[in-house]
């Protein structure tokens, strides 16, 4: 049994409690040193230096490489708030090491992130190249999935076209009031002959006389966003009406030409198409009656009877009756649609680019649909952000990005490694369509339903084996369902959830990435790409720690 002789002294006045050499603050194997080396040596950060003004008077600026390292380290720890990062630069050793004890304020950090959003997006490609050089990027099995991330906007800020017009009128009235206040403020400023009166009128922080106080300034950005949202609704309404009109005209033209139209009848053409089918059936039956009368006249002249059955009256023919019924149903359906409240398009005043996105567990979020293609070892190889809540629309573009990323990984893989190539791509049922199944590209498995349903069907098929199974027939969806029901298909598709959904769980639940920090599709795209770059850097750091022989190229 060990007994302590006493307590260690707690001397808070001791000098040099922390070693004066910053290299001794953290062990050499700490990942922050590797991250500093990656940013300083292995990444081209010239885009972050563009636009930085050097020389002249004033305090020297912060090194962009240091600010970038600080952002990456903070985001990798789930710290995305500029104020929290500023505080950590004082309280947390690793952050103090990055900024070398010269902590930037939160405004500098926030401004750096906002001003360099385009450069942050291009950073992803460089990090992917670096990951390939250290041997990451296992492409044998890759998977695509989407996640809904909230925009920096409230769902309550959505407005219809009428609401946007009312908001625009309110903004115009507010602007008129603001202009009146500006005139009054300028008149008062003209009579201000001493600094004290100016300070009393404008406040001590105002740059000088003649300037309008900030709280009286016209919020032109809000007026611009309202106009943008209203223009989007009007453009979408016009496009929808034009598409419906074009589809209806094309359907009717094919009917008039005697061709069999493909697909469902457009809503706006259903009544006209039903009338055309009725007229066609009547004309066809009248032609049958005319041919019968000709045969009857010829037979009467010979003193015989015509061959064939006597045609029933036009009104009693079953095809004519069915066509009249279709007309009645089409008219009733059209009348019901006219009485139904039309779908009202809405746009968000704060972020017009964002859309209401449905959540898997129920409910809605105002934001974007973020896509990520992930390799088997957890490296994100391609990203995308869009406004459509349906994943199926992102398939083609994301596959093209994945193929391009695979080429980058293959070009930068270590010489001794086997040249990587995409083996098979995995998708859930949200990407299932005949077009996506038949599209060119690498081999794929796309679920035709929920995984539990697919496995239950496969188990039933195994329970009742067929001695000589017939080859797969039917369309692409049927063939894919049959492939997914095989033992090999089941085993391969089971990898999808782990590969595709793990990065989203890490982002949302571990790092707290549930909302973008700014507005607009372009900034959301760059922020999502930056997050993916941070994710991949984390994989690189983990790989270098786990593999002592691995080194940065």
Protein backbone atom coordinates (compact mmCIF):
# COMPACT_ATOMS: atom_id res chain seq x y z
CA UNK A 1 0.00 0.00 0.00
CA UNK A 2 1.41 3.37 -1.06
CA UNK A 3 0.97 6.38 1.15
CA UNK A 4 1.56 9.91 -0.12
CA UNK A 5 4.03 11.96 1.90
CA UNK A 6 1.99 15.11 1.33
CA UNK A 7 0.41 17.28 -1.35
CA UNK A 8 2.14 18.86 -4.28
CA UNK A 9 2.47 22.62 -3.90
CA UNK A 10 0.02 24.82 -5.82
CA UNK A 11 2.07 27.94 -6.54
CA UNK A 12 0.15 30.16 -8.94
CA UNK A 13 2.83 32.83 -8.77
CA UNK A 14 5.49 30.53 -10.17
CA UNK A 15 7.10 31.95 -13.29
CA UNK A 16 7.43 29.94 -16.52
CA UNK A 17 4.85 27.38 -15.44
CA UNK A 18 4.47 26.74 -19.17
CA UNK A 19 7.77 26.08 -20.96
CA UNK A 20 9.01 29.17 -22.80
CA UNK A 21 9.61 27.08 -25.94
CA UNK A 22 6.22 26.48 -27.60
CA UNK A 23 7.56 23.23 -29.09
CA UNK A 24 7.55 21.83 -25.58
CA UNK A 25 3.88 22.65 -24.94
CA UNK A 26 2.67 19.66 -26.92
CA UNK A 27 4.43 16.36 -27.71
CA UNK A 28 5.94 16.05 -31.18
CA UNK A 29 3.41 13.37 -32.16
CA UNK A 30 0.42 15.63 -31.43
CA UNK A 31 -1.72 15.93 -34.60
CA UNK A 32 -1.76 19.73 -34.48
CA UNK A 33 1.91 19.78 -35.53
CA UNK A 34 1.09 17.57 -38.51
CA UNK A 35 -1.81 19.84 -39.46
CA UNK A 36 0.45 22.91 -39.31
CA UNK A 37 2.94 21.11 -41.57
CA UNK A 38 0.18 20.12 -44.02
CA UNK A 39 -1.08 23.69 -44.41
CA UNK A 40 2.37 25.31 -44.49
CA UNK A 41 4.10 22.79 -46.75
CA UNK A 42 1.70 20.56 -48.68
CA UNK A 43 -1.21 22.83 -49.63
CA UNK A 44 -1.24 25.69 -52.09
CA UNK A 45 -2.79 28.51 -50.04
CA UNK A 46 -2.15 31.29 -52.55
CA UNK A 47 -5.90 31.74 -53.09
CA UNK A 48 -6.23 32.73 -49.42
CA UNK A 49 -3.54 35.38 -49.87
CA UNK A 50 -5.24 36.95 -52.90
CA UNK A 51 -6.65 40.36 -52.12
CA UNK A 52 -4.64 40.77 -48.93
CA UNK A 53 -3.10 44.25 -48.84
CA UNK A 54 0.41 44.43 -47.43
CA UNK A 55 2.55 47.44 -46.65
CA UNK A 56 1.24 50.85 -45.79
CA UNK A 57 0.28 52.12 -42.39
CA UNK A 58 -1.63 50.32 -39.68
CA UNK A 59 -1.24 47.13 -37.75
CA UNK A 60 0.13 44.08 -39.56
CA UNK A 61 -2.48 41.53 -40.57
CA UNK A 62 -2.75 37.91 -39.49
CA UNK A 63 -1.11 35.24 -41.64
CA UNK A 64 -3.82 33.59 -43.81
CA UNK A 65 -2.09 30.21 -43.41
CA UNK A 66 -2.44 30.50 -39.64
CA UNK A 67 -6.12 31.50 -39.90
CA UNK A 68 -6.80 28.59 -42.27
CA UNK A 69 -5.11 26.15 -39.87
CA UNK A 70 -7.16 27.59 -37.03
CA UNK A 71 -10.41 27.11 -38.96
CA UNK A 72 -9.57 23.54 -39.92
CA UNK A 73 -8.59 22.60 -36.37
CA UNK A 74 -11.67 24.26 -34.89
CA UNK A 75 -14.08 22.64 -37.34
CA UNK A 76 -12.47 19.24 -36.79
CA UNK A 77 -13.32 19.63 -33.09
CA UNK A 78 -16.90 20.72 -33.73
CA UNK A 79 -16.07 24.35 -32.93
CA UNK A 80 -17.56 26.45 -35.74
CA UNK A 81 -18.29 29.62 -33.79
CA UNK A 82 -15.76 32.40 -34.33
CA UNK A 83 -16.20 33.56 -30.75
CA UNK A 84 -15.54 30.08 -29.39
CA UNK A 85 -12.39 29.81 -31.52
CA UNK A 86 -11.23 33.20 -30.23
CA UNK A 87 -11.73 32.02 -26.66
CA UNK A 88 -9.94 28.72 -27.36
CA UNK A 89 -6.91 30.64 -28.66
CA UNK A 90 -6.49 31.85 -25.08
CA UNK A 91 -7.63 28.80 -23.10
CA UNK A 92 -6.64 25.71 -25.13
CA UNK A 93 -2.99 24.87 -25.72
CA UNK A 94 -3.41 23.45 -29.23
CA UNK A 95 -5.14 26.62 -30.43
CA UNK A 96 -2.48 28.78 -28.75
CA UNK A 97 0.18 26.80 -30.61
CA UNK A 98 -1.53 27.38 -33.96
CA UNK A 99 -1.78 31.16 -33.49
CA UNK A 100 1.62 31.30 -31.70
CA UNK A 101 0.07 33.09 -28.73
CA UNK A 102 -1.19 35.99 -30.89
CA UNK A 103 -4.91 35.25 -30.72
CA UNK A 104 -7.05 36.81 -33.50
CA UNK A 105 -10.39 38.29 -32.55
CA UNK A 106 -13.65 36.65 -33.63
CA UNK A 107 -14.37 39.36 -36.21
CA UNK A 108 -11.09 38.59 -37.99
CA UNK A 109 -11.85 34.85 -38.01
CA UNK A 110 -15.41 35.36 -39.26
CA UNK A 111 -14.35 37.83 -41.94
CA UNK A 112 -11.59 35.50 -43.13
CA UNK A 113 -14.08 32.65 -43.54
CA UNK A 114 -16.62 34.80 -45.39
CA UNK A 115 -14.10 36.46 -47.70
CA UNK A 116 -12.50 33.17 -48.72
CA UNK A 117 -15.52 30.94 -49.30
CA UNK A 118 -14.50 30.27 -52.92
CA UNK A 119 -10.95 29.38 -51.85
CA UNK A 120 -12.35 27.04 -49.19
CA UNK A 121 -14.24 25.16 -51.90
CA UNK A 122 -11.10 24.65 -54.02
CA UNK A 123 -9.27 23.37 -50.94
CA UNK A 124 -11.21 20.10 -51.15
CA UNK A 125 -9.46 19.01 -54.37
CA UNK A 126 -6.00 19.61 -52.86
CA UNK A 127 -6.82 17.63 -49.73
CA UNK A 128 -8.15 14.75 -51.86
CA UNK A 129 -4.87 14.70 -53.77
CA UNK A 130 -2.92 14.65 -50.50
CA UNK A 131 -5.08 11.80 -49.19
CA UNK A 132 -4.31 9.78 -52.32
CA UNK A 133 -0.58 10.36 -51.86
CA UNK A 134 -0.62 8.82 -48.39
CA UNK A 135 -2.53 5.78 -49.67
CA UNK A 136 -6.12 6.70 -48.83
CA UNK A 137 -9.08 6.54 -51.18
CA UNK A 138 -10.18 2.90 -51.40
CA UNK A 139 -12.42 2.84 -54.48
CA UNK A 140 -13.42 -0.82 -54.57
CA UNK A 141 -16.80 0.09 -53.10
CA UNK A 142 -18.10 3.67 -52.93
CA UNK A 143 -21.49 4.96 -51.86
CA UNK A 144 -23.54 8.11 -52.40
CA UNK A 145 -26.09 9.58 -50.03
CA UNK A 146 -27.69 12.92 -49.22
CA UNK A 147 -28.37 14.81 -46.00
CA UNK A 148 -30.52 17.86 -45.34
CA UNK A 149 -28.59 20.75 -43.75
CA UNK A 150 -30.43 23.85 -42.57
CA UNK A 151 -29.71 27.20 -44.13
CA UNK A 152 -28.94 30.25 -42.01
CA UNK A 153 -32.59 31.22 -42.40
CA UNK A 154 -35.85 30.61 -40.58
CA UNK A 155 -38.55 28.45 -42.10
CA UNK A 156 -40.97 31.13 -40.95
CA UNK A 157 -39.40 33.59 -43.40
CA UNK A 158 -41.05 31.84 -46.38
CA UNK A 159 -43.51 34.00 -48.31
CA UNK A 160 -45.84 33.46 -51.23
CA UNK A 161 -45.84 35.81 -54.22
CA UNK A 162 -48.56 37.91 -52.59
CA UNK A 163 -46.63 37.99 -49.33
CA UNK A 164 -43.46 39.05 -51.13
CA UNK A 165 -45.29 41.86 -52.93
CA UNK A 166 -46.68 43.09 -49.61
CA UNK A 167 -43.19 42.91 -48.09
CA UNK A 168 -41.77 44.85 -51.05
CA UNK A 169 -44.40 47.57 -50.58
CA UNK A 170 -43.57 47.72 -46.87
CA UNK A 171 -39.88 48.03 -47.70
CA UNK A 172 -40.65 50.88 -50.12
CA UNK A 173 -42.60 52.71 -47.43
CA UNK A 174 -39.80 52.10 -44.96
CA UNK A 175 -37.27 53.40 -47.46
CA UNK A 176 -39.32 56.59 -47.90
CA UNK A 177 -39.40 57.08 -44.12
CA UNK A 178 -35.66 56.45 -43.95
CA UNK A 179 -34.99 59.05 -46.64
CA UNK A 180 -37.06 61.55 -44.70
CA UNK A 181 -35.04 60.77 -41.59
CA UNK A 182 -31.81 61.16 -43.57
CA UNK A 183 -32.89 64.64 -44.68
CA UNK A 184 -33.78 65.55 -41.12
CA UNK A 185 -30.49 64.15 -39.83
CA UNK A 186 -28.50 66.02 -42.49
CA UNK A 187 -30.33 69.27 -41.64
CA UNK A 188 -29.51 68.77 -37.96
CA UNK A 189 -25.89 67.99 -38.83
CA UNK A 190 -25.58 71.22 -40.76
CA UNK A 191 -26.22 73.15 -37.56
CA UNK A 192 -23.72 71.10 -35.53
CA UNK A 193 -20.72 73.37 -35.03
CA UNK A 194 -18.91 71.54 -32.25
CA UNK A 195 -17.77 67.99 -31.67
CA UNK A 196 -19.92 67.64 -28.59
CA UNK A 197 -23.14 68.32 -30.47
CA UNK A 198 -22.08 65.92 -33.24
CA UNK A 199 -21.34 63.20 -30.70
CA UNK A 200 -24.73 63.81 -29.10
CA UNK A 201 -26.49 63.57 -32.46
CA UNK A 202 -24.54 60.70 -34.09
CA UNK A 203 -22.82 58.90 -31.25
CA UNK A 204 -19.12 58.67 -30.51
CA UNK A 205 -18.49 55.84 -32.97
CA UNK A 206 -19.81 57.71 -36.04
CA UNK A 207 -17.01 58.53 -38.57
CA UNK A 208 -17.99 62.18 -38.88
CA UNK A 209 -20.66 64.75 -39.69
CA UNK A 210 -23.14 64.22 -42.46
CA UNK A 211 -23.24 60.42 -41.98
CA UNK A 212 -26.57 58.75 -41.25
CA UNK A 213 -26.67 56.61 -38.08
CA UNK A 214 -26.56 52.89 -38.82
CA UNK A 215 -29.96 52.22 -37.30
CA UNK A 216 -31.54 54.65 -39.81
CA UNK A 217 -29.85 53.19 -42.88
CA UNK A 218 -32.06 51.59 -45.49
CA UNK A 219 -31.80 47.76 -45.38
CA UNK A 220 -31.25 47.49 -49.14
CA UNK A 221 -30.06 43.92 -48.85
CA UNK A 222 -33.51 42.88 -47.59
CA UNK A 223 -35.22 44.66 -50.50
CA UNK A 224 -32.85 42.91 -52.89
CA UNK A 225 -33.61 39.49 -51.38
CA UNK A 226 -37.37 40.13 -51.61
CA UNK A 227 -37.04 41.11 -55.28
CA UNK A 228 -34.90 38.05 -55.96
CA UNK A 229 -37.38 35.70 -54.27
CA UNK A 230 -40.31 37.23 -56.17
CA UNK A 231 -38.45 36.92 -59.47
CA UNK A 232 -37.76 33.24 -58.73
CA UNK A 233 -41.44 32.52 -58.12
CA UNK A 234 -42.52 34.36 -61.28
CA UNK A 235 -39.87 32.58 -63.37
CA UNK A 236 -40.85 29.17 -61.96
CA UNK A 237 -44.55 29.86 -62.58
CA UNK A 238 -43.80 30.83 -66.19
CA UNK A 239 -41.60 27.78 -66.71
CA UNK A 240 -44.22 25.46 -65.22
CA UNK A 241 -47.00 26.89 -67.39
CA UNK A 242 -44.83 26.72 -70.50
CA UNK A 243 -43.83 23.10 -69.79
CA UNK A 244 -47.46 22.11 -69.20
CA UNK A 245 -48.59 23.84 -72.39
CA UNK A 246 -45.79 22.25 -74.44
CA UNK A 247 -46.56 18.78 -73.06
CA UNK A 248 -50.29 19.17 -73.77
CA UNK A 249 -49.72 20.41 -77.32
CA UNK A 250 -47.27 17.60 -78.05
CA UNK A 251 -49.67 14.96 -76.73
CA UNK A 252 -52.55 16.28 -78.83
CA UNK A 253 -50.35 16.52 -81.93
CA UNK A 254 -49.41 12.84 -81.57
CA UNK A 255 -53.10 11.97 -81.21
CA UNK A 256 -54.00 13.97 -84.31
CA UNK A 257 -51.24 12.26 -86.27
CA UNK A 258 -52.64 8.86 -85.33
CA UNK A 259 -49.64 7.95 -83.20
CA UNK A 260 -49.87 6.29 -79.81
CA UNK A 261 -48.73 8.84 -77.20
CA UNK A 262 -46.17 7.67 -74.63
CA UNK A 263 -46.56 8.28 -70.93
CA UNK A 264 -49.40 9.76 -68.92
CA UNK A 265 -51.78 12.29 -70.43
CA UNK A 266 -50.92 15.83 -69.23
CA UNK A 267 -53.60 17.27 -66.94
CA UNK A 268 -54.26 20.24 -69.21
CA UNK A 269 -54.83 17.94 -72.21
CA UNK A 270 -57.03 15.28 -70.64
CA UNK A 271 -60.40 16.81 -71.66
CA UNK A 272 -59.27 17.59 -75.21
CA UNK A 273 -57.67 14.15 -75.57
CA UNK A 274 -60.86 12.44 -74.34
CA UNK A 275 -62.93 14.36 -76.89
CA UNK A 276 -60.49 13.42 -79.65
CA UNK A 277 -60.69 9.73 -78.70
CA UNK A 278 -64.53 9.94 -78.70
CA UNK A 279 -64.54 11.57 -82.14
CA UNK A 280 -62.15 8.91 -83.42
CA UNK A 281 -64.33 6.05 -82.10
CA UNK A 282 -67.47 7.61 -83.61
CA UNK A 283 -65.73 8.09 -86.96
CA UNK A 284 -64.43 4.52 -86.88
CA UNK A 285 -67.89 3.09 -86.15
CA UNK A 286 -69.54 5.30 -88.78
CA UNK A 287 -67.02 3.99 -91.31
CA UNK A 288 -67.95 0.43 -90.30
CA UNK A 289 -71.65 1.24 -90.82
CA UNK A 290 -70.92 2.78 -94.22
CA UNK A 291 -69.02 -0.31 -95.36
CA UNK A 292 -71.91 -2.53 -94.16
CA UNK A 293 -74.46 -0.45 -96.10
CA UNK A 294 -72.35 -0.77 -99.23
CA UNK A 295 -72.25 -4.55 -98.85
CA UNK A 296 -76.03 -4.60 -98.14
CA UNK A 297 -76.79 -2.57 -101.30
CA UNK A 298 -74.61 -4.83 -103.41
CA UNK A 299 -76.24 -7.94 -101.94
CA UNK A 300 -79.77 -6.52 -102.51
CA UNK A 301 -79.00 -5.99 -106.18
CA UNK A 302 -78.00 -9.63 -106.39
CA UNK A 303 -81.08 -10.67 -104.44
CA UNK A 304 -79.09 -11.93 -101.44
CA UNK A 305 -78.16 -10.89 -97.94
CA UNK A 306 -74.98 -9.09 -96.83
CA UNK A 307 -72.31 -11.00 -94.99
CA UNK A 308 -71.45 -10.17 -91.37
CA UNK A 309 -73.43 -8.92 -88.39
CA UNK A 310 -75.51 -5.81 -88.55
CA UNK A 311 -73.57 -2.98 -86.76
CA UNK A 312 -75.15 -1.66 -83.61
CA UNK A 313 -76.08 2.03 -83.56
CA UNK A 314 -73.18 4.39 -82.90
CA UNK A 315 -74.55 5.43 -79.52
CA UNK A 316 -74.77 1.81 -78.38
CA UNK A 317 -71.29 0.65 -79.39
CA UNK A 318 -69.20 -0.31 -76.35
CA UNK A 319 -66.11 1.61 -77.52
CA UNK A 320 -68.14 4.77 -78.05
CA UNK A 321 -69.78 4.32 -74.64
CA UNK A 322 -66.36 3.88 -73.03
CA UNK A 323 -65.03 6.98 -74.81
CA UNK A 324 -68.05 9.06 -73.64
CA UNK A 325 -67.44 7.83 -70.10
CA UNK A 326 -63.80 8.94 -70.38
CA UNK A 327 -64.96 12.38 -71.50
CA UNK A 328 -67.31 12.67 -68.53
CA UNK A 329 -64.57 11.62 -66.12
CA UNK A 330 -62.05 14.02 -67.65
CA UNK A 331 -64.53 16.93 -67.45
CA UNK A 332 -65.37 16.08 -63.83
CA UNK A 333 -61.70 15.80 -62.90
CA UNK A 334 -60.90 19.11 -64.60
CA UNK A 335 -63.76 20.80 -62.75
CA UNK A 336 -62.54 19.37 -59.46
CA UNK A 337 -59.03 20.66 -60.17
CA UNK A 338 -60.39 24.13 -60.87
CA UNK A 339 -62.14 24.09 -57.49
CA UNK A 340 -59.00 22.85 -55.74
CA UNK A 341 -56.73 25.45 -54.19
CA UNK A 342 -53.67 25.65 -56.44
CA UNK A 343 -50.19 24.94 -55.12
CA UNK A 344 -48.67 28.15 -53.80
CA UNK A 345 -44.97 28.58 -54.43
CA UNK A 346 -43.03 30.11 -51.56
CA UNK A 347 -39.58 31.60 -51.25
CA UNK A 348 -37.51 32.57 -48.24
CA UNK A 349 -36.84 36.25 -47.66
CA UNK A 350 -33.61 35.63 -45.77
CA UNK A 351 -32.16 33.04 -48.18
CA UNK A 352 -34.08 32.90 -51.49
CA UNK A 353 -31.88 30.04 -52.74
CA UNK A 354 -32.89 27.68 -49.93
CA UNK A 355 -35.96 25.43 -50.02
CA UNK A 356 -38.13 23.58 -47.52
CA UNK A 357 -36.62 20.10 -47.24
CA UNK A 358 -38.55 17.10 -45.79
CA UNK A 359 -36.80 15.19 -43.02
CA UNK A 360 -36.70 11.41 -42.79
CA UNK A 361 -38.26 11.24 -39.34
CA UNK A 362 -40.94 13.78 -40.21
CA UNK A 363 -41.05 17.54 -40.29
CA UNK A 364 -39.32 20.11 -42.46
CA UNK A 365 -36.14 22.15 -42.47
CA UNK A 366 -35.31 25.28 -44.47
CA UNK A 367 -32.07 24.43 -46.18
CA UNK A 368 -30.28 22.41 -48.83
CA UNK A 369 -29.81 18.82 -49.92
CA UNK A 370 -26.10 18.04 -49.45
CA UNK A 371 -24.59 15.10 -51.33
CA UNK A 372 -21.39 13.18 -50.55
CA UNK A 373 -19.72 10.27 -52.36
CA UNK A 374 -17.67 8.31 -49.83
CA UNK A 375 -14.99 5.67 -50.34
CA UNK A 376 -14.75 2.47 -48.35
CA UNK A 377 -12.05 3.90 -46.05
CA UNK A 378 -14.18 6.93 -45.20
CA UNK A 379 -12.60 9.49 -47.55
CA UNK A 380 -15.18 11.80 -49.17
CA UNK A 381 -14.29 11.88 -52.87
CA UNK A 382 -17.04 14.16 -54.22
CA UNK A 383 -19.57 16.65 -52.86
CA UNK A 384 -22.55 18.57 -54.13
CA UNK A 385 -25.28 20.87 -52.83
CA UNK A 386 -28.67 21.50 -54.40
CA UNK A 387 -32.17 22.67 -53.66
CA UNK A 388 -34.18 19.68 -54.88
CA UNK A 389 -35.25 17.41 -52.00
CA UNK A 390 -35.24 14.38 -54.33
CA UNK A 391 -31.91 12.52 -54.47
CA UNK A 392 -32.62 11.00 -57.88
CA UNK A 393 -31.85 14.28 -59.67
CA UNK A 394 -28.25 14.37 -58.37
CA UNK A 395 -27.18 10.96 -59.68
CA UNK A 396 -25.63 11.91 -63.01
CA UNK A 397 -23.66 14.92 -61.80
CA UNK A 398 -22.35 13.15 -58.68
CA UNK A 399 -21.27 10.07 -60.65
CA UNK A 400 -19.34 12.32 -63.06
CA UNK A 401 -17.60 13.95 -60.08
CA UNK A 402 -16.79 10.55 -58.58
CA UNK A 403 -15.25 9.31 -61.84
CA UNK A 404 -13.13 12.49 -62.05
CA UNK A 405 -12.08 12.06 -58.41
CA UNK A 406 -11.13 8.44 -59.07
CA UNK A 407 -8.80 9.62 -61.83
CA UNK A 408 -7.17 12.10 -59.42
CA UNK A 409 -6.70 9.38 -56.80
CA UNK A 410 -5.24 6.98 -59.38
CA UNK A 411 -2.78 9.63 -60.63
CA UNK A 412 -1.55 10.42 -57.10
CA UNK A 413 -1.55 6.96 -55.51
CA UNK A 414 1.79 5.74 -54.09
CA UNK A 415 3.91 3.96 -56.74
CA UNK A 416 3.94 0.67 -54.83
CA UNK A 417 0.15 0.64 -54.40
CA UNK A 418 -2.25 -1.04 -56.78
CA UNK A 419 -3.84 1.47 -59.13
CA UNK A 420 -7.28 2.22 -57.65
CA UNK A 421 -10.43 2.21 -59.74
CA UNK A 422 -14.13 2.27 -58.96
CA UNK A 423 -15.36 -1.27 -58.43
CA UNK A 424 -19.03 -0.79 -57.60
CA UNK A 425 -21.23 2.14 -56.55
CA UNK A 426 -24.01 1.79 -53.95
CA UNK A 427 -27.19 3.90 -53.76
CA UNK A 428 -30.36 3.75 -51.71
CA UNK A 429 -33.85 3.71 -53.22
CA UNK A 430 -33.92 7.52 -53.42
CA UNK A 431 -31.70 7.31 -56.53
CA UNK A 432 -33.70 4.56 -58.24
CA UNK A 433 -34.98 5.33 -61.73
CA UNK A 434 -34.75 3.59 -65.07
CA UNK A 435 -32.58 6.41 -66.43
CA UNK A 436 -30.08 6.07 -63.56
CA UNK A 437 -30.03 2.27 -63.83
CA UNK A 438 -29.37 2.41 -67.56
CA UNK A 439 -26.91 5.34 -67.49
CA UNK A 440 -23.32 4.67 -68.60
CA UNK A 441 -20.63 4.48 -65.97
CA UNK A 442 -19.21 2.11 -63.36
CA UNK A 443 -21.11 -0.89 -62.04
CA UNK A 444 -23.80 -0.02 -59.48
CA UNK A 445 -26.34 -1.37 -57.06
CA UNK A 446 -29.39 0.85 -56.59
CA UNK A 447 -31.99 -0.31 -54.10
CA UNK A 448 -35.47 -0.75 -55.55
CA UNK A 449 -37.03 -0.50 -52.10
CA UNK A 450 -36.13 -0.48 -48.42
CA UNK A 451 -33.30 -2.82 -47.49
CA UNK A 452 -35.43 -4.84 -45.06
CA UNK A 453 -37.96 -5.43 -47.85
CA UNK A 454 -35.23 -6.52 -50.25
CA UNK A 455 -33.72 -8.95 -47.76
CA UNK A 456 -37.13 -10.38 -46.86
CA UNK A 457 -37.80 -11.01 -50.56
CA UNK A 458 -34.37 -12.59 -50.93
CA UNK A 459 -35.02 -14.88 -47.96
CA UNK A 460 -38.34 -15.96 -49.45
CA UNK A 461 -36.63 -16.71 -52.75
CA UNK A 462 -34.00 -18.85 -50.98
CA UNK A 463 -36.74 -20.73 -49.12
CA UNK A 464 -38.35 -21.74 -52.42
CA UNK A 465 -35.44 -22.45 -54.79
CA UNK A 466 -35.99 -23.01 -58.48
CA UNK A 467 -34.09 -25.90 -60.07
CA UNK A 468 -33.59 -24.16 -63.40
CA UNK A 469 -34.10 -20.42 -62.94
CA UNK A 470 -34.99 -18.43 -66.01
CA UNK A 471 -32.77 -15.52 -67.08
CA UNK A 472 -33.68 -12.07 -65.76
CA UNK A 473 -36.42 -10.49 -67.82
CA UNK A 474 -38.34 -7.24 -67.67
CA UNK A 475 -37.13 -3.69 -67.28
CA UNK A 476 -34.04 -2.41 -65.47
CA UNK A 477 -35.79 -2.12 -62.11
CA UNK A 478 -36.87 -5.77 -62.23
CA UNK A 479 -33.37 -6.90 -63.15
CA UNK A 480 -31.82 -4.81 -60.37
CA UNK A 481 -34.28 -6.24 -57.82
CA UNK A 482 -33.32 -9.76 -58.89
CA UNK A 483 -29.62 -8.93 -58.59
CA UNK A 484 -30.13 -7.46 -55.12
CA UNK A 485 -31.84 -10.66 -54.01
CA UNK A 486 -28.73 -12.77 -54.64
CA UNK A 487 -26.34 -13.55 -51.74
CA UNK A 488 -23.61 -11.52 -53.42
CA UNK A 489 -25.95 -8.57 -53.95
CA UNK A 490 -27.15 -8.65 -50.33
CA UNK A 491 -23.59 -8.81 -48.95
CA UNK A 492 -22.40 -5.96 -51.14
CA UNK A 493 -25.38 -3.69 -50.52
CA UNK A 494 -25.07 -4.13 -46.74
CA UNK A 495 -21.88 -2.04 -46.93
CA UNK A 496 -23.81 1.02 -48.13
CA UNK A 497 -25.13 2.20 -44.78
CA UNK A 498 -21.74 2.12 -43.07
CA UNK A 499 -19.90 3.79 -45.96
CA UNK A 500 -22.43 6.44 -46.93
CA UNK A 501 -24.08 7.42 -43.65
CA UNK A 502 -21.13 7.40 -41.23
CA UNK A 503 -19.75 10.76 -42.47
CA UNK A 504 -23.19 12.35 -41.96
CA UNK A 505 -23.43 10.99 -38.43
CA UNK A 506 -19.97 12.37 -37.72
CA UNK A 507 -20.92 15.76 -39.14
CA UNK A 508 -24.31 16.21 -37.49
CA UNK A 509 -24.02 14.38 -34.18
CA UNK A 510 -20.32 14.57 -33.31
CA UNK A 511 -19.34 17.90 -34.86
CA UNK A 512 -22.73 19.63 -34.59
CA UNK A 513 -22.84 20.60 -38.28
CA UNK A 514 -26.60 21.05 -38.63
CA UNK A 515 -26.79 24.57 -40.05
CA UNK A 516 -24.78 26.62 -42.52
CA UNK A 517 -23.19 29.79 -41.25
CA UNK A 518 -24.18 31.97 -44.23
CA UNK A 519 -26.86 32.29 -46.91
CA UNK A 520 -26.91 31.44 -50.59
CA UNK A 521 -26.36 28.29 -52.65
CA UNK A 522 -22.79 29.23 -53.63
CA UNK A 523 -21.72 29.76 -50.02
CA UNK A 524 -23.49 26.59 -48.90
CA UNK A 525 -21.63 24.68 -51.62
CA UNK A 526 -18.25 26.06 -50.54
CA UNK A 527 -18.98 25.48 -46.84
CA UNK A 528 -20.00 21.85 -47.49
CA UNK A 529 -16.83 21.32 -49.55
CA UNK A 530 -14.74 22.86 -46.77
CA UNK A 531 -16.35 20.54 -44.25
CA UNK A 532 -15.51 17.56 -46.50
CA UNK A 533 -11.90 18.79 -46.74
CA UNK A 534 -11.72 19.01 -42.93
CA UNK A 535 -13.21 15.51 -42.71
CA UNK A 536 -10.56 14.16 -45.09
CA UNK A 537 -7.75 15.93 -43.22
CA UNK A 538 -8.96 14.17 -40.08
CA UNK A 539 -8.71 10.84 -41.93
CA UNK A 540 -5.18 11.75 -43.06
CA UNK A 541 -4.10 12.60 -39.50
CA UNK A 542 -5.58 9.35 -38.19
CA UNK A 543 -3.88 7.35 -40.96
CA UNK A 544 -0.49 8.94 -40.29
CA UNK A 545 -0.84 8.21 -36.58
CA UNK A 546 -1.91 4.59 -37.11
CA UNK A 547 0.72 3.89 -39.77
CA UNK A 548 4.14 4.94 -38.47
CA UNK A 549 5.78 4.24 -41.83
CA UNK A 550 3.35 6.48 -43.71
CA UNK A 551 4.63 9.95 -44.54
CA UNK A 552 3.44 12.99 -46.43
CA UNK A 553 4.76 13.16 -49.96
